[in-house]
Amino acid sequence: MINYNSASELKKFLEQEGLAMRKKFGQNFLINPAVRKTLVDAIGAEIGDEVWEVGPGLGAMTALLLEAGMKVNAFEIDNGFIRVLKNLFSSNIFKENFNLIEGDVMKTWQKQTSNCKLFFGNLPYNIAAALLADFIEKGRFFSRMVVTVQKEVALRMAAPAGSPDYSSFSVLCASVYKVKPLITIKRESFYPQPNVDSMGVLFENKNTHPCPAIFYPLVRALFAARRKTIKNNFLTFLSSRWRKMEALDICSAVLKENSIKENERAENLDFETFLSLAKSIENMRL
């Protein structure tokens, strides 16, 4: 097996296998065993549970998930790492519980038909927010997710309304999940060492009713120009769907119905307020 705890051993293994780290894939190996265990334990899985894993790399987390008795569907884009993962897990005692999905997860995840409830990922920095937003907007929800992301992204995920890190992405996450930061992971815990710290984050499904179809485009639109008032952004959004006079009437009526001042800004509205706005618009369209 590979020594996942040593940067020098990983470097040696990569050289022996003729593999190179590819910056465009945002590859960093988590070499801190205590952190790896904390993250795997946080998923709260039982023997036989199925999990999606994105960014398995050389299989450090994959090995822990399989050893815990889980069935792992691993998404990997790097051809060299795919070869290593097959050698490690496709022909040994874990082969019945290991399924490798090759290619770009942004393009392959929608083809998967299993109703897997758990998600785990040391997510590449360059796709983390885009992938999770894609899951949410397309209705691919999990019971629990544990992800490792750039600390800045993690803070945006869990940010409350009115805080500096609050964004449309914060609202998207809150629309489905309770988001809880688990652990700050210092950059020294990775090889190669990134320029920033990371954070492990737990997502727990709130099991609420799905948001109206208009909710997600509405949220993006109201955050599109942060310096503008809620009225201006809202009116721009409505004008793309109704004639100008209708949009003006709807804008005034919806803001009044939800007790929102016209000079308010999106960064001060919580998830429940965004949801109420979306429901008001939906009701007016009936």
C-alpha atoms as a PDB file:
ATOM      1  CA  MET A   1       0.000   0.000   0.000  1.00  0.00           C
ATOM      2  CA  ILE A   2       0.976   3.630  -0.422  1.00  0.00           C
ATOM      3  CA  ASN A   3       2.224   5.579   2.598  1.00  0.00           C
ATOM      4  CA  TYR A   4      -0.390   8.337   2.538  1.00  0.00           C
ATOM      5  CA  ASN A   5       1.076  10.088   5.583  1.00  0.00           C
ATOM      6  CA  SER A   6       4.421  11.077   4.064  1.00  0.00           C
ATOM      7  CA  ALA A   7       4.959  13.805   1.473  1.00  0.00           C
ATOM      8  CA  SER A   8       8.336  12.346   0.539  1.00  0.00           C
ATOM      9  CA  GLU A   9       6.896   8.847   0.086  1.00  0.00           C
ATOM     10  CA  LEU A  10       4.059  10.176  -2.051  1.00  0.00           C
ATOM     11  CA  LYS A  11       6.521  12.119  -4.168  1.00  0.00           C
ATOM     12  CA  LYS A  12       8.633   8.986  -4.589  1.00  0.00           C
ATOM     13  CA  PHE A  13       5.569   6.919  -5.552  1.00  0.00           C
ATOM     14  CA  LEU A  14       4.488   9.483  -8.134  1.00  0.00           C
ATOM     15  CA  GLU A  15       7.952   9.492  -9.679  1.00  0.00           C
ATOM     16  CA  GLN A  16       8.074   5.683  -9.784  1.00  0.00           C
ATOM     17  CA  GLU A  17       4.689   5.543 -11.496  1.00  0.00           C
ATOM     18  CA  GLY A  18       5.530   8.323 -13.922  1.00  0.00           C
ATOM     19  CA  LEU A  19       2.762  10.522 -12.572  1.00  0.00           C
ATOM     20  CA  ALA A  20       2.737  14.285 -12.255  1.00  0.00           C
ATOM     21  CA  MET A  21       0.497  16.621 -10.293  1.00  0.00           C
ATOM     22  CA  ARG A  22      -1.742  18.545 -12.668  1.00  0.00           C
ATOM     23  CA  LYS A  23      -2.493  22.055 -11.488  1.00  0.00           C
ATOM     24  CA  LYS A  24      -5.629  22.356 -13.623  1.00  0.00           C
ATOM     25  CA  PHE A  25      -7.229  19.526 -11.593  1.00  0.00           C
ATOM     26  CA  GLY A  26      -6.469  21.228  -8.251  1.00  0.00           C
ATOM     27  CA  GLN A  27      -4.762  18.138  -6.843  1.00  0.00           C
ATOM     28  CA  ASN A  28      -3.570  18.087  -3.229  1.00  0.00           C
ATOM     29  CA  PHE A  29      -3.204  14.966  -1.073  1.00  0.00           C
ATOM     30  CA  LEU A  30      -4.318  15.088   2.564  1.00  0.00           C
ATOM     31  CA  ILE A  31      -1.344  13.603   4.436  1.00  0.00           C
ATOM     32  CA  ASN A  32      -2.621  14.157   8.003  1.00  0.00           C
ATOM     33  CA  PRO A  33      -4.068  10.802   9.183  1.00  0.00           C
ATOM     34  CA  ALA A  34      -5.907  12.313  12.161  1.00  0.00           C
ATOM     35  CA  VAL A  35      -7.740  14.750   9.901  1.00  0.00           C
ATOM     36  CA  ARG A  36      -8.615  11.986   7.444  1.00  0.00           C
ATOM     37  CA  LYS A  37     -10.133   9.927  10.263  1.00  0.00           C
ATOM     38  CA  THR A  38     -12.107  12.900  11.588  1.00  0.00           C
ATOM     39  CA  LEU A  39     -13.610  13.505   8.159  1.00  0.00           C
ATOM     40  CA  VAL A  40     -14.519   9.863   7.526  1.00  0.00           C
ATOM     41  CA  ASP A  41     -16.055   9.504  10.994  1.00  0.00           C
ATOM     42  CA  ALA A  42     -18.172  12.605  10.388  1.00  0.00           C
ATOM     43  CA  ILE A  43     -20.030  10.986   7.493  1.00  0.00           C
ATOM     44  CA  GLY A  44     -21.728   8.742  10.066  1.00  0.00           C
ATOM     45  CA  ALA A  45     -22.046   5.777   7.709  1.00  0.00           C
ATOM     46  CA  GLU A  46     -22.858   2.194   8.623  1.00  0.00           C
ATOM     47  CA  ILE A  47     -21.521  -0.998   7.071  1.00  0.00           C
ATOM     48  CA  GLY A  48     -23.003  -1.448   3.614  1.00  0.00           C
ATOM     49  CA  ASP A  49     -23.895   2.211   3.078  1.00  0.00           C
ATOM     50  CA  GLU A  50     -23.197   3.583  -0.380  1.00  0.00           C
ATOM     51  CA  VAL A  51     -21.184   6.774  -0.815  1.00  0.00           C
ATOM     52  CA  TRP A  52     -20.117   8.980  -3.690  1.00  0.00           C
ATOM     53  CA  GLU A  53     -16.515  10.119  -3.421  1.00  0.00           C
ATOM     54  CA  VAL A  54     -15.183  12.930  -5.598  1.00  0.00           C
ATOM     55  CA  GLY A  55     -11.459  13.530  -5.869  1.00  0.00           C
ATOM     56  CA  PRO A  56     -10.108  10.190  -4.588  1.00  0.00           C
ATOM     57  CA  GLY A  57      -6.634  10.922  -5.951  1.00  0.00           C
ATOM     58  CA  LEU A  58      -4.408   8.018  -4.936  1.00  0.00           C
ATOM     59  CA  GLY A  59      -7.054   6.532  -2.638  1.00  0.00           C
ATOM     60  CA  ALA A  60      -6.178   7.692   0.888  1.00  0.00           C
ATOM     61  CA  MET A  61      -9.791   8.429   1.793  1.00  0.00           C
ATOM     62  CA  THR A  62     -11.107   5.677  -0.451  1.00  0.00           C
ATOM     63  CA  ALA A  63      -9.193   3.105   1.577  1.00  0.00           C
ATOM     64  CA  LEU A  64     -10.684   4.369   4.843  1.00  0.00           C
ATOM     65  CA  LEU A  65     -14.206   4.363   3.429  1.00  0.00           C
ATOM     66  CA  LEU A  66     -13.821   0.805   2.140  1.00  0.00           C
ATOM     67  CA  GLU A  67     -12.246  -0.387   5.382  1.00  0.00           C
ATOM     68  CA  ALA A  68     -15.285   1.025   7.196  1.00  0.00           C
ATOM     69  CA  GLY A  69     -17.468  -1.292   5.107  1.00  0.00           C
ATOM     70  CA  MET A  70     -18.906   1.269   2.716  1.00  0.00           C
ATOM     71  CA  LYS A  71     -19.633   0.829  -0.974  1.00  0.00           C
ATOM     72  CA  VAL A  72     -17.675   3.535  -2.775  1.00  0.00           C
ATOM     73  CA  ASN A  73     -18.485   5.129  -6.115  1.00  0.00           C
ATOM     74  CA  ALA A  74     -15.326   7.128  -6.844  1.00  0.00           C
ATOM     75  CA  PHE A  75     -15.246   9.894  -9.472  1.00  0.00           C
ATOM     76  CA  GLU A  76     -11.767  10.547 -10.900  1.00  0.00           C
ATOM     77  CA  ILE A  77     -10.641  12.548 -13.923  1.00  0.00           C
ATOM     78  CA  ASP A  78      -6.868  11.947 -13.960  1.00  0.00           C
ATOM     79  CA  ASN A  79      -5.904   8.956 -16.130  1.00  0.00           C
ATOM     80  CA  GLY A  80      -2.798   8.225 -14.091  1.00  0.00           C
ATOM     81  CA  PHE A  81      -4.709   8.184 -10.817  1.00  0.00           C
ATOM     82  CA  ILE A  82      -7.416   6.049 -12.440  1.00  0.00           C
ATOM     83  CA  ARG A  83      -4.765   3.429 -13.193  1.00  0.00           C
ATOM     84  CA  VAL A  84      -3.519   3.504  -9.587  1.00  0.00           C
ATOM     85  CA  LEU A  85      -7.030   3.268  -8.140  1.00  0.00           C
ATOM     86  CA  LYS A  86      -7.835   0.258 -10.305  1.00  0.00           C
ATOM     87  CA  ASN A  87      -4.648  -1.483  -9.203  1.00  0.00           C
ATOM     88  CA  LEU A  88      -5.379  -0.744  -5.547  1.00  0.00           C
ATOM     89  CA  PHE A  89      -9.070  -1.502  -5.259  1.00  0.00           C
ATOM     90  CA  SER A  90     -10.480  -3.240  -8.350  1.00  0.00           C
ATOM     91  CA  SER A  91      -8.777  -6.593  -7.906  1.00  0.00           C
ATOM     92  CA  ASN A  92      -8.558  -7.213  -4.154  1.00  0.00           C
ATOM     93  CA  ILE A  93     -10.917  -7.812  -1.226  1.00  0.00           C
ATOM     94  CA  PHE A  94     -12.607  -4.465  -1.872  1.00  0.00           C
ATOM     95  CA  LYS A  95     -13.471  -5.051  -5.535  1.00  0.00           C
ATOM     96  CA  GLU A  96     -17.159  -5.807  -4.854  1.00  0.00           C
ATOM     97  CA  ASN A  97     -17.555  -2.521  -3.016  1.00  0.00           C
ATOM     98  CA  PHE A  98     -15.542  -0.292  -5.325  1.00  0.00           C
ATOM     99  CA  ASN A  99     -16.910   1.356  -8.454  1.00  0.00           C
ATOM    100  CA  LEU A 100     -14.777   3.813 -10.412  1.00  0.00           C
ATOM    101  CA  ILE A 101     -16.437   6.461 -12.587  1.00  0.00           C
ATOM    102  CA  GLU A 102     -13.890   7.898 -15.018  1.00  0.00           C
ATOM    103  CA  GLY A 103     -13.953  11.430 -16.357  1.00  0.00           C
ATOM    104  CA  ASP A 104     -15.043  14.904 -15.321  1.00  0.00           C
ATOM    105  CA  VAL A 105     -17.548  14.624 -12.462  1.00  0.00           C
ATOM    106  CA  MET A 106     -19.319  17.765 -13.713  1.00  0.00           C
ATOM    107  CA  LYS A 107     -20.220  15.739 -16.821  1.00  0.00           C
ATOM    108  CA  THR A 108     -20.596  12.217 -15.377  1.00  0.00           C
ATOM    109  CA  TRP A 109     -22.571  12.563 -12.155  1.00  0.00           C
ATOM    110  CA  GLN A 110     -25.967  12.984 -13.851  1.00  0.00           C
ATOM    111  CA  LYS A 111     -25.543   9.628 -15.601  1.00  0.00           C
ATOM    112  CA  GLN A 112     -25.438   7.774 -12.278  1.00  0.00           C
ATOM    113  CA  THR A 113     -28.722   6.107 -11.417  1.00  0.00           C
ATOM    114  CA  SER A 114     -28.075   4.895  -7.872  1.00  0.00           C
ATOM    115  CA  ASN A 115     -30.037   6.609  -5.100  1.00  0.00           C
ATOM    116  CA  CYS A 116     -26.927   7.116  -2.991  1.00  0.00           C
ATOM    117  CA  LYS A 117     -27.559   9.151   0.184  1.00  0.00           C
ATOM    118  CA  LEU A 118     -23.988   9.980   1.235  1.00  0.00           C
ATOM    119  CA  PHE A 119     -21.370  12.196  -0.375  1.00  0.00           C
ATOM    120  CA  PHE A 120     -17.706  12.588   0.495  1.00  0.00           C
ATOM    121  CA  GLY A 121     -15.071  14.648  -1.218  1.00  0.00           C
ATOM    122  CA  ASN A 122     -11.680  16.284  -0.915  1.00  0.00           C
ATOM    123  CA  LEU A 123     -12.918  18.626  -3.595  1.00  0.00           C
ATOM    124  CA  PRO A 124     -10.556  20.290  -6.046  1.00  0.00           C
ATOM    125  CA  TYR A 125     -10.568  24.016  -5.344  1.00  0.00           C
ATOM    126  CA  ASN A 126     -11.418  24.856  -8.944  1.00  0.00           C
ATOM    127  CA  ILE A 127     -14.773  22.995  -9.001  1.00  0.00           C
ATOM    128  CA  ALA A 128     -15.956  22.803  -5.376  1.00  0.00           C
ATOM    129  CA  ALA A 129     -18.574  25.563  -5.394  1.00  0.00           C
ATOM    130  CA  ALA A 130     -19.694  24.840  -8.964  1.00  0.00           C
ATOM    131  CA  LEU A 131     -20.213  21.134  -8.277  1.00  0.00           C
ATOM    132  CA  LEU A 132     -22.213  21.583  -5.076  1.00  0.00           C
ATOM    133  CA  ALA A 133     -24.328  24.310  -6.676  1.00  0.00           C
ATOM    134  CA  ASP A 134     -24.948  21.998  -9.638  1.00  0.00           C
ATOM    135  CA  PHE A 135     -26.162  19.234  -7.300  1.00  0.00           C
ATOM    136  CA  ILE A 136     -28.529  21.589  -5.477  1.00  0.00           C
ATOM    137  CA  GLU A 137     -29.985  23.366  -8.494  1.00  0.00           C
ATOM    138  CA  LYS A 138     -30.581  20.072 -10.308  1.00  0.00           C
ATOM    139  CA  GLY A 139     -32.194  18.389  -7.309  1.00  0.00           C
ATOM    140  CA  ARG A 140     -29.468  15.858  -6.473  1.00  0.00           C
ATOM    141  CA  PHE A 141     -29.704  15.926  -2.697  1.00  0.00           C
ATOM    142  CA  PHE A 142     -27.841  13.765  -0.181  1.00  0.00           C
ATOM    143  CA  SER A 143     -28.743  12.916   3.418  1.00  0.00           C
ATOM    144  CA  ARG A 144     -25.246  13.876   4.547  1.00  0.00           C
ATOM    145  CA  MET A 145     -22.189  15.312   2.861  1.00  0.00           C
ATOM    146  CA  VAL A 146     -18.675  15.781   4.184  1.00  0.00           C
ATOM    147  CA  VAL A 147     -16.425  17.888   1.998  1.00  0.00           C
ATOM    148  CA  THR A 148     -12.985  19.431   2.236  1.00  0.00           C
ATOM    149  CA  VAL A 149     -12.746  22.769   0.499  1.00  0.00           C
ATOM    150  CA  GLN A 150     -10.746  25.968   0.525  1.00  0.00           C
ATOM    151  CA  LYS A 151     -11.477  27.764   3.808  1.00  0.00           C
ATOM    152  CA  GLU A 152     -12.812  30.815   1.976  1.00  0.00           C
ATOM    153  CA  VAL A 153     -15.367  28.619   0.185  1.00  0.00           C
ATOM    154  CA  ALA A 154     -16.319  26.882   3.437  1.00  0.00           C
ATOM    155  CA  LEU A 155     -17.018  30.208   5.127  1.00  0.00           C
ATOM    156  CA  ARG A 156     -19.279  31.185   2.239  1.00  0.00           C
ATOM    157  CA  MET A 157     -21.141  27.885   2.562  1.00  0.00           C
ATOM    158  CA  ALA A 158     -21.968  28.420   6.229  1.00  0.00           C
ATOM    159  CA  ALA A 159     -22.264  32.232   6.311  1.00  0.00           C
ATOM    160  CA  PRO A 160     -25.393  33.740   7.925  1.00  0.00           C
ATOM    161  CA  ALA A 161     -27.259  36.678   6.444  1.00  0.00           C
ATOM    162  CA  GLY A 162     -25.555  40.011   7.016  1.00  0.00           C
ATOM    163  CA  SER A 163     -22.055  38.583   7.380  1.00  0.00           C
ATOM    164  CA  PRO A 164     -19.188  39.526   5.014  1.00  0.00           C
ATOM    165  CA  ASP A 165     -19.031  35.994   3.543  1.00  0.00           C
ATOM    166  CA  TYR A 166     -22.757  35.739   2.826  1.00  0.00           C
ATOM    167  CA  SER A 167     -23.549  35.199  -0.863  1.00  0.00           C
ATOM    168  CA  SER A 168     -25.985  33.518  -3.224  1.00  0.00           C
ATOM    169  CA  PHE A 169     -24.000  30.315  -2.646  1.00  0.00           C
ATOM    170  CA  SER A 170     -24.737  30.573   1.099  1.00  0.00           C
ATOM    171  CA  VAL A 171     -28.460  30.748   0.309  1.00  0.00           C
ATOM    172  CA  LEU A 172     -28.230  27.803  -2.093  1.00  0.00           C
ATOM    173  CA  CYS A 173     -26.600  25.659   0.595  1.00  0.00           C
ATOM    174  CA  ALA A 174     -29.131  26.740   3.240  1.00  0.00           C
ATOM    175  CA  SER A 175     -32.017  25.884   0.923  1.00  0.00           C
ATOM    176  CA  VAL A 176     -31.357  22.165   1.450  1.00  0.00           C
ATOM    177  CA  TYR A 177     -28.786  21.677   4.215  1.00  0.00           C
ATOM    178  CA  LYS A 178     -27.754  22.629   7.705  1.00  0.00           C
ATOM    179  CA  VAL A 179     -24.098  23.518   7.150  1.00  0.00           C
ATOM    180  CA  LYS A 180     -21.590  22.973   9.961  1.00  0.00           C
ATOM    181  CA  PRO A 181     -17.846  23.669   9.781  1.00  0.00           C
ATOM    182  CA  LEU A 182     -16.048  20.634  11.217  1.00  0.00           C
ATOM    183  CA  ILE A 183     -12.340  21.334  11.279  1.00  0.00           C
ATOM    184  CA  THR A 184      -9.834  23.848   9.957  1.00  0.00           C
ATOM    185  CA  ILE A 185      -7.127  22.033   8.017  1.00  0.00           C
ATOM    186  CA  LYS A 186      -3.784  23.811   7.879  1.00  0.00           C
ATOM    187  CA  ARG A 187      -2.044  23.948   4.533  1.00  0.00           C
ATOM    188  CA  GLU A 188       0.812  21.879   5.990  1.00  0.00           C
ATOM    189  CA  SER A 189      -1.597  18.917   6.090  1.00  0.00           C
ATOM    190  CA  PHE A 190      -1.471  18.631   2.296  1.00  0.00           C
ATOM    191  CA  TYR A 191       1.026  17.625  -0.341  1.00  0.00           C
ATOM    192  CA  PRO A 192       1.726  19.621  -2.408  1.00  0.00           C
ATOM    193  CA  GLN A 193       1.127  22.385   0.119  1.00  0.00           C
ATOM    194  CA  PRO A 194      -1.520  24.836  -1.133  1.00  0.00           C
ATOM    195  CA  ASN A 195      -1.318  28.575  -0.565  1.00  0.00           C
ATOM    196  CA  VAL A 196      -4.368  28.655   1.723  1.00  0.00           C
ATOM    197  CA  ASP A 197      -5.879  26.693   4.590  1.00  0.00           C
ATOM    198  CA  SER A 198      -8.818  24.356   4.028  1.00  0.00           C
ATOM    199  CA  MET A 199     -11.826  23.331   6.058  1.00  0.00           C
ATOM    200  CA  GLY A 200     -13.881  20.194   6.485  1.00  0.00           C
ATOM    201  CA  VAL A 201     -17.616  20.893   6.320  1.00  0.00           C
ATOM    202  CA  LEU A 202     -20.644  18.767   7.244  1.00  0.00           C
ATOM    203  CA  PHE A 203     -23.936  19.121   5.346  1.00  0.00           C
ATOM    204  CA  GLU A 204     -27.063  17.587   6.881  1.00  0.00           C
ATOM    205  CA  ASN A 205     -30.248  17.488   4.813  1.00  0.00           C
ATOM    206  CA  LYS A 206     -33.075  19.476   6.431  1.00  0.00           C
ATOM    207  CA  ASN A 207     -35.638  17.280   4.641  1.00  0.00           C
ATOM    208  CA  THR A 208     -37.829  20.249   3.787  1.00  0.00           C
ATOM    209  CA  HIS A 209     -40.072  20.660   0.755  1.00  0.00           C
ATOM    210  CA  PRO A 210     -38.278  21.550  -2.490  1.00  0.00           C
ATOM    211  CA  CYS A 211     -38.010  25.241  -3.295  1.00  0.00           C
ATOM    212  CA  PRO A 212     -40.157  26.710  -6.104  1.00  0.00           C
ATOM    213  CA  ALA A 213     -38.532  26.519  -9.532  1.00  0.00           C
ATOM    214  CA  ILE A 214     -38.036  30.267  -9.602  1.00  0.00           C
ATOM    215  CA  PHE A 215     -36.111  30.286  -6.296  1.00  0.00           C
ATOM    216  CA  TYR A 216     -32.575  29.649  -7.572  1.00  0.00           C
ATOM    217  CA  PRO A 217     -32.612  32.092 -10.520  1.00  0.00           C
ATOM    218  CA  LEU A 218     -34.190  34.656  -8.178  1.00  0.00           C
ATOM    219  CA  VAL A 219     -31.408  34.303  -5.604  1.00  0.00           C
ATOM    220  CA  ARG A 220     -28.697  34.635  -8.237  1.00  0.00           C
ATOM    221  CA  ALA A 221     -30.370  37.709  -9.689  1.00  0.00           C
ATOM    222  CA  LEU A 222     -30.770  39.478  -6.351  1.00  0.00           C
ATOM    223  CA  PHE A 223     -27.063  39.014  -5.620  1.00  0.00           C
ATOM    224  CA  ALA A 224     -25.966  39.875  -9.167  1.00  0.00           C
ATOM    225  CA  ALA A 225     -25.139  43.491  -8.323  1.00  0.00           C
ATOM    226  CA  ARG A 226     -24.474  43.654  -4.587  1.00  0.00           C
ATOM    227  CA  ARG A 227     -24.238  47.460  -4.488  1.00  0.00           C
ATOM    228  CA  LYS A 228     -27.746  47.849  -5.893  1.00  0.00           C
ATOM    229  CA  THR A 229     -30.854  47.857  -3.734  1.00  0.00           C
ATOM    230  CA  ILE A 230     -33.179  44.878  -3.588  1.00  0.00           C
ATOM    231  CA  LYS A 231     -35.773  46.849  -5.588  1.00  0.00           C
ATOM    232  CA  ASN A 232     -33.413  47.501  -8.503  1.00  0.00           C
ATOM    233  CA  ASN A 233     -32.151  43.920  -8.745  1.00  0.00           C
ATOM    234  CA  PHE A 234     -35.641  42.523  -8.241  1.00  0.00           C
ATOM    235  CA  LEU A 235     -37.090  44.755 -10.933  1.00  0.00           C
ATOM    236  CA  THR A 236     -34.376  43.711 -13.386  1.00  0.00           C
ATOM    237  CA  PHE A 237     -35.214  40.072 -12.674  1.00  0.00           C
ATOM    238  CA  LEU A 238     -38.957  40.551 -13.077  1.00  0.00           C
ATOM    239  CA  SER A 239     -38.556  42.636 -16.244  1.00  0.00           C
ATOM    240  CA  SER A 240     -36.888  39.678 -17.938  1.00  0.00           C
ATOM    241  CA  ARG A 241     -40.131  37.726 -17.456  1.00  0.00           C
ATOM    242  CA  TRP A 242     -42.946  40.310 -17.599  1.00  0.00           C
ATOM    243  CA  ARG A 243     -43.670  43.570 -19.395  1.00  0.00           C
ATOM    244  CA  LYS A 244     -42.226  46.603 -17.626  1.00  0.00           C
ATOM    245  CA  MET A 245     -45.484  47.867 -16.083  1.00  0.00           C
ATOM    246  CA  GLU A 246     -46.419  44.396 -14.888  1.00  0.00           C
ATOM    247  CA  ALA A 247     -42.933  43.981 -13.422  1.00  0.00           C
ATOM    248  CA  LEU A 248     -43.236  47.273 -11.532  1.00  0.00           C
ATOM    249  CA  ASP A 249     -46.589  46.256 -10.045  1.00  0.00           C
ATOM    250  CA  ILE A 250     -45.336  42.788  -9.071  1.00  0.00           C
ATOM    251  CA  CYS A 251     -42.150  44.205  -7.577  1.00  0.00           C
ATOM    252  CA  SER A 252     -44.020  46.640  -5.335  1.00  0.00           C
ATOM    253  CA  ALA A 253     -46.646  44.083  -4.320  1.00  0.00           C
ATOM    254  CA  VAL A 254     -44.171  41.308  -3.482  1.00  0.00           C
ATOM    255  CA  LEU A 255     -41.863  43.566  -1.472  1.00  0.00           C
ATOM    256  CA  LYS A 256     -44.833  44.949   0.473  1.00  0.00           C
ATOM    257  CA  GLU A 257     -46.280  41.490   1.067  1.00  0.00           C
ATOM    258  CA  ASN A 258     -42.945  40.366   2.564  1.00  0.00           C
ATOM    259  CA  SER A 259     -42.370  43.583   4.556  1.00  0.00           C
ATOM    260  CA  ILE A 260     -39.108  44.326   2.727  1.00  0.00           C
ATOM    261  CA  LYS A 261     -37.958  47.927   2.320  1.00  0.00           C
ATOM    262  CA  GLU A 262     -37.140  48.973  -1.240  1.00  0.00           C
ATOM    263  CA  ASN A 263     -33.648  50.132  -0.235  1.00  0.00           C
ATOM    264  CA  GLU A 264     -32.759  46.814   1.450  1.00  0.00           C
ATOM    265  CA  ARG A 265     -29.950  44.680   0.017  1.00  0.00           C
ATOM    266  CA  ALA A 266     -29.870  40.947  -0.693  1.00  0.00           C
ATOM    267  CA  GLU A 267     -26.934  40.340   1.660  1.00  0.00           C
ATOM    268  CA  ASN A 268     -29.224  41.101   4.624  1.00  0.00           C
ATOM    269  CA  LEU A 269     -32.015  38.676   3.679  1.00  0.00           C
ATOM    270  CA  ASP A 270     -32.000  35.172   5.137  1.00  0.00           C
ATOM    271  CA  PHE A 271     -33.012  31.977   3.365  1.00  0.00           C
ATOM    272  CA  GLU A 272     -36.579  32.070   4.681  1.00  0.00           C
ATOM    273  CA  THR A 273     -37.077  35.549   3.226  1.00  0.00           C
ATOM    274  CA  PHE A 274     -35.781  34.487  -0.192  1.00  0.00           C
ATOM    275  CA  LEU A 275     -38.112  31.482  -0.075  1.00  0.00           C
ATOM    276  CA  SER A 276     -41.059  33.687   0.824  1.00  0.00           C
ATOM    277  CA  LEU A 277     -40.259  36.008  -2.099  1.00  0.00           C
ATOM    278  CA  ALA A 278     -40.153  33.064  -4.491  1.00  0.00           C
ATOM    279  CA  LYS A 279     -43.473  31.729  -3.209  1.00  0.00           C
ATOM    280  CA  SER A 280     -45.078  35.153  -3.598  1.00  0.00           C
ATOM    281  CA  ILE A 281     -43.991  35.309  -7.229  1.00  0.00           C
ATOM    282  CA  GLU A 282     -45.209  31.770  -7.878  1.00  0.00           C
ATOM    283  CA  ASN A 283     -48.609  32.603  -6.377  1.00  0.00           C
ATOM    284  CA  MET A 284     -48.941  35.684  -8.568  1.00  0.00           C
ATOM    285  CA  ARG A 285     -48.334  33.583 -11.648  1.00  0.00           C
ATOM    286  CA  LEU A 286     -51.243  31.227 -10.856  1.00  0.00           C
END
